[in-house]
Amino acid sequence: MKTDEPTAGKEEANDAISFPANETFVPAAAKSSNTPLPATPVADAVVSEVIEVYESGLESINMPGYDFYEFYKAISSTGQTSEHTYQLAFQMARSMDKTITVQKLLQDAEFYISKINEVHGQYVGQGQSKLQALEEQKRQEKGQLQGEIDHATARITQLKAELQQLESGLQQKQGMLGKIDDGFRPQEQAIRGKLQANDSARSLSIGKLQQIREGIARYIKQ
């Protein structure tokens, strides 16, 4: 049976019993004073699963005898919240445990509510830790890709500059190629002129020599 201080007894029980921590479920409306989770649509099935976890947790810390948890189950089973329902449930509670008072039920209610809030806080912490881990992973992947993008962009800029420089050098060399003939033309013309002069001088010299040779053959008799 219960003592006159049910809340104290439950606090001691809390040292040995805690709600099952299921990392699969993180309440969507969970918030903390540090970083609130963003509001996201949650399927009713997920909410129902989390509620089942809470209900199972309440069952696991329920103390022997009749207290607020049994009163809560009794009211919930009727599906009604009228004054008559509460009066009947309270009478039933008194019939099972004469020490039951409104004050004790309210104290027990605070205990169970605190345990729900405690587990809720645990789930919030788990969810926030996962979100922070995902955010860090996302930041790292973005940072790596951004670094590769920046490197590729810088390389493209460098290649464009090199290409522009090559094109400029190509145009310059093409212009120089077109002027090579003009640059060598005076020397070529001088050489060709000398070759022509050499041919002319040869012809003249040979002509003179032949003329003398013919004169010798014609005019000198032995």
Protein backbone atom coordinates (compact mmCIF):
# COMPACT_ATOMS: atom_id res chain seq x y z
CA MET A 1 0.00 0.00 0.00
CA LYS A 2 0.98 3.63 -0.44
CA THR A 3 2.39 5.92 2.22
CA ASP A 4 1.25 9.49 2.89
CA GLU A 5 4.16 10.75 0.77
CA PRO A 6 3.76 9.05 -2.58
CA THR A 7 5.82 11.60 -4.47
CA ALA A 8 8.90 10.99 -2.35
CA GLY A 9 8.62 7.27 -2.88
CA LYS A 10 8.45 7.71 -6.64
CA GLU A 11 11.46 9.98 -6.68
CA GLU A 12 13.47 7.21 -4.99
CA ALA A 13 12.17 4.69 -7.51
CA ASN A 14 13.38 6.94 -10.30
CA ASP A 15 16.99 6.15 -9.35
CA ALA A 16 16.47 2.55 -10.42
CA ILE A 17 13.86 2.86 -13.18
CA SER A 18 13.83 5.17 -16.18
CA PHE A 19 11.89 5.38 -19.41
CA PRO A 20 13.23 3.24 -22.26
CA ALA A 21 15.34 5.51 -24.46
CA ASN A 22 14.38 4.77 -28.05
CA GLU A 23 16.60 6.80 -30.37
CA THR A 24 14.31 6.05 -33.30
CA PHE A 25 11.69 8.56 -32.19
CA VAL A 26 12.23 12.29 -31.77
CA PRO A 27 9.07 14.36 -31.07
CA ALA A 28 8.64 16.91 -33.85
CA ALA A 29 7.53 19.65 -31.46
CA ALA A 30 10.57 19.12 -29.24
CA LYS A 31 12.37 22.33 -28.34
CA SER A 32 15.18 23.36 -26.01
CA SER A 33 16.49 26.64 -24.73
CA ASN A 34 19.59 26.32 -26.92
CA THR A 35 18.70 25.32 -30.46
CA PRO A 36 15.03 24.69 -31.35
CA LEU A 37 14.31 21.92 -33.80
CA PRO A 38 12.72 23.18 -37.01
CA ALA A 39 9.00 22.52 -37.29
CA THR A 40 8.42 19.70 -39.76
CA PRO A 41 5.28 17.77 -40.71
CA VAL A 42 4.97 14.58 -38.68
CA ALA A 43 2.90 11.55 -39.63
CA ASP A 44 0.22 10.57 -37.12
CA ALA A 45 1.70 7.07 -37.02
CA VAL A 46 5.01 8.46 -35.75
CA VAL A 47 3.27 10.51 -33.07
CA SER A 48 1.34 7.43 -32.02
CA GLU A 49 4.53 5.42 -31.73
CA VAL A 50 6.13 8.06 -29.51
CA ILE A 51 3.01 8.19 -27.36
CA GLU A 52 3.24 4.41 -26.98
CA VAL A 53 6.82 4.84 -25.80
CA TYR A 54 5.69 7.43 -23.25
CA GLU A 55 2.83 5.19 -22.08
CA SER A 56 5.19 2.24 -21.74
CA GLY A 57 7.56 4.44 -19.76
CA LEU A 58 4.78 5.51 -17.40
CA GLU A 59 3.85 1.87 -16.90
CA SER A 60 7.45 1.00 -16.10
CA ILE A 61 7.66 3.53 -13.23
CA ASN A 62 4.17 2.94 -11.85
CA MET A 63 4.40 2.31 -8.11
CA PRO A 64 2.51 -0.53 -6.40
CA GLY A 65 -0.96 0.34 -5.24
CA TYR A 66 -3.39 2.97 -6.45
CA ASP A 67 -2.11 6.42 -7.42
CA PHE A 68 -2.58 9.01 -10.14
CA TYR A 69 -1.50 6.57 -12.85
CA GLU A 70 -4.38 4.20 -12.07
CA PHE A 71 -6.72 7.18 -11.90
CA TYR A 72 -5.42 8.36 -15.26
CA LYS A 73 -5.97 4.89 -16.79
CA ALA A 74 -9.47 4.74 -15.36
CA ILE A 75 -10.47 8.11 -16.84
CA SER A 76 -8.78 7.36 -20.17
CA SER A 77 -10.58 4.03 -20.50
CA THR A 78 -14.00 5.73 -20.37
CA GLY A 79 -13.20 8.20 -23.11
CA GLN A 80 -15.19 10.84 -21.19
CA THR A 81 -14.09 13.91 -19.23
CA SER A 82 -17.31 14.90 -17.47
CA GLU A 83 -17.54 15.79 -13.79
CA HIS A 84 -19.58 12.66 -13.17
CA THR A 85 -16.82 10.49 -14.65
CA TYR A 86 -14.20 12.10 -12.41
CA GLN A 87 -16.40 11.75 -9.34
CA LEU A 88 -16.99 8.04 -10.01
CA ALA A 89 -13.27 7.45 -10.64
CA PHE A 90 -12.37 9.22 -7.40
CA GLN A 91 -14.90 7.17 -5.46
CA MET A 92 -13.45 3.99 -6.94
CA ALA A 93 -9.94 5.17 -6.01
CA ARG A 94 -11.06 5.84 -2.42
CA SER A 95 -12.66 2.41 -2.25
CA MET A 96 -9.35 0.83 -3.25
CA ASP A 97 -7.11 3.01 -1.05
CA LYS A 98 -8.51 5.11 1.77
CA THR A 99 -5.35 7.26 1.83
CA ILE A 100 -6.12 8.64 -1.62
CA THR A 101 -6.76 12.38 -1.54
CA VAL A 102 -7.06 15.02 -4.20
CA GLN A 103 -3.76 16.50 -3.04
CA LYS A 104 -1.99 13.14 -3.35
CA LEU A 105 -3.39 12.64 -6.87
CA LEU A 106 -2.22 16.12 -7.87
CA GLN A 107 1.24 15.46 -6.40
CA ASP A 108 1.46 12.17 -8.27
CA ALA A 109 0.31 13.90 -11.43
CA GLU A 110 3.21 16.35 -11.13
CA PHE A 111 5.58 13.40 -10.77
CA TYR A 112 4.36 11.68 -13.93
CA ILE A 113 4.30 14.94 -15.85
CA SER A 114 7.89 15.61 -14.77
CA LYS A 115 8.93 12.16 -16.04
CA ILE A 116 7.28 12.82 -19.41
CA ASN A 117 9.14 16.12 -19.60
CA GLU A 118 12.36 14.39 -18.60
CA VAL A 119 12.07 11.76 -21.33
CA HIS A 120 10.97 14.44 -23.76
CA GLY A 121 14.14 16.34 -22.95
CA GLN A 122 16.22 13.21 -23.53
CA TYR A 123 14.64 12.72 -26.95
CA VAL A 124 15.19 16.37 -27.77
CA GLY A 125 18.86 16.02 -26.86
CA GLN A 126 19.18 12.92 -29.02
CA GLY A 127 17.45 14.59 -31.93
CA GLN A 128 19.52 17.74 -31.66
CA SER A 129 22.73 15.69 -31.47
CA LYS A 130 21.76 13.88 -34.66
CA LEU A 131 20.82 17.14 -36.37
CA GLN A 132 24.13 18.70 -35.34
CA ALA A 133 26.00 15.65 -36.66
CA LEU A 134 24.11 15.87 -39.95
CA GLU A 135 24.73 19.61 -40.13
CA GLU A 136 28.45 19.06 -39.57
CA GLN A 137 28.53 16.31 -42.19
CA LYS A 138 26.64 18.57 -44.59
CA ARG A 139 29.01 21.46 -43.84
CA GLN A 140 32.06 19.27 -44.48
CA GLU A 141 30.69 17.91 -47.75
CA LYS A 142 29.71 21.40 -48.89
CA GLY A 143 33.12 22.73 -47.86
CA GLN A 144 34.92 19.97 -49.78
CA LEU A 145 32.81 20.48 -52.91
CA GLN A 146 33.12 24.26 -52.67
CA GLY A 147 36.89 23.88 -52.39
CA GLU A 148 36.93 21.72 -55.50
CA ILE A 149 34.69 24.22 -57.30
CA ASP A 150 36.95 27.11 -56.30
CA HIS A 151 40.03 25.17 -57.40
CA ALA A 152 38.42 24.29 -60.75
CA THR A 153 37.27 27.89 -61.24
CA ALA A 154 40.75 29.21 -60.52
CA ARG A 155 42.22 26.63 -62.90
CA ILE A 156 39.77 27.64 -65.63
CA THR A 157 40.67 31.29 -65.12
CA GLN A 158 44.36 30.40 -65.32
CA LEU A 159 43.83 28.33 -68.47
CA LYS A 160 41.82 31.14 -70.06
CA ALA A 161 44.63 33.58 -69.30
CA GLU A 162 47.19 31.15 -70.73
CA LEU A 163 45.01 30.59 -73.81
CA GLN A 164 44.63 34.33 -74.31
CA GLN A 165 48.38 34.71 -73.97
CA LEU A 166 48.97 31.92 -76.47
CA GLU A 167 46.49 33.45 -78.91
CA SER A 168 48.16 36.83 -78.56
CA GLY A 169 51.58 35.24 -79.13
CA LEU A 170 50.21 33.29 -82.10
CA GLN A 171 48.84 36.42 -83.72
CA GLN A 172 52.13 38.21 -83.10
CA LYS A 173 54.14 35.36 -84.64
CA GLN A 174 51.77 35.18 -87.61
CA GLY A 175 52.34 38.90 -88.17
CA MET A 176 56.10 38.40 -87.89
CA LEU A 177 55.88 35.47 -90.33
CA GLY A 178 54.27 37.69 -92.93
CA LYS A 179 57.08 40.24 -92.58
CA ILE A 180 59.97 37.82 -92.90
CA ASP A 181 59.94 38.02 -96.73
CA ASP A 182 60.06 41.80 -96.57
CA GLY A 183 62.95 41.67 -94.12
CA PHE A 184 65.06 39.36 -96.29
CA ARG A 185 64.07 40.94 -99.61
CA PRO A 186 66.82 43.65 -99.67
CA GLN A 187 69.53 41.07 -98.96
CA GLU A 188 68.12 38.68 -101.54
CA GLN A 189 67.90 41.45 -104.10
CA ALA A 190 71.51 42.49 -103.38
CA ILE A 191 72.73 38.93 -103.72
CA ARG A 192 70.75 38.36 -106.90
CA GLY A 193 72.09 41.64 -108.25
CA LYS A 194 75.65 40.51 -107.53
CA LEU A 195 74.95 37.16 -109.14
CA GLN A 196 73.63 38.87 -112.23
CA ALA A 197 76.60 41.20 -112.23
CA ASN A 198 78.88 38.21 -111.86
CA ASP A 199 77.21 36.56 -114.83
CA SER A 200 77.52 39.75 -116.86
CA ALA A 201 81.16 40.21 -115.86
CA ARG A 202 81.90 36.61 -116.79
CA SER A 203 80.29 37.02 -120.14
CA LEU A 204 82.16 40.22 -120.82
CA SER A 205 85.47 38.82 -119.61
CA ILE A 206 85.09 35.64 -121.61
CA GLY A 207 84.02 37.69 -124.61
CA LYS A 208 87.18 39.77 -124.40
CA LEU A 209 89.33 36.71 -123.93
CA GLN A 210 87.71 34.98 -126.85
CA GLN A 211 88.13 38.08 -128.96
CA ILE A 212 91.81 38.16 -128.25
CA ARG A 213 92.10 34.45 -128.84
CA GLU A 214 90.39 34.80 -132.17
CA GLY A 215 92.62 37.74 -133.05
CA ILE A 216 95.68 35.69 -132.32
CA ALA A 217 94.45 32.84 -134.45
CA ARG A 218 93.55 35.16 -137.28
CA TYR A 219 96.32 37.65 -137.42
CA ILE A 220 99.45 35.87 -136.28
CA LYS A 221 100.89 33.38 -138.74
CA GLN A 222 103.78 31.13 -137.98
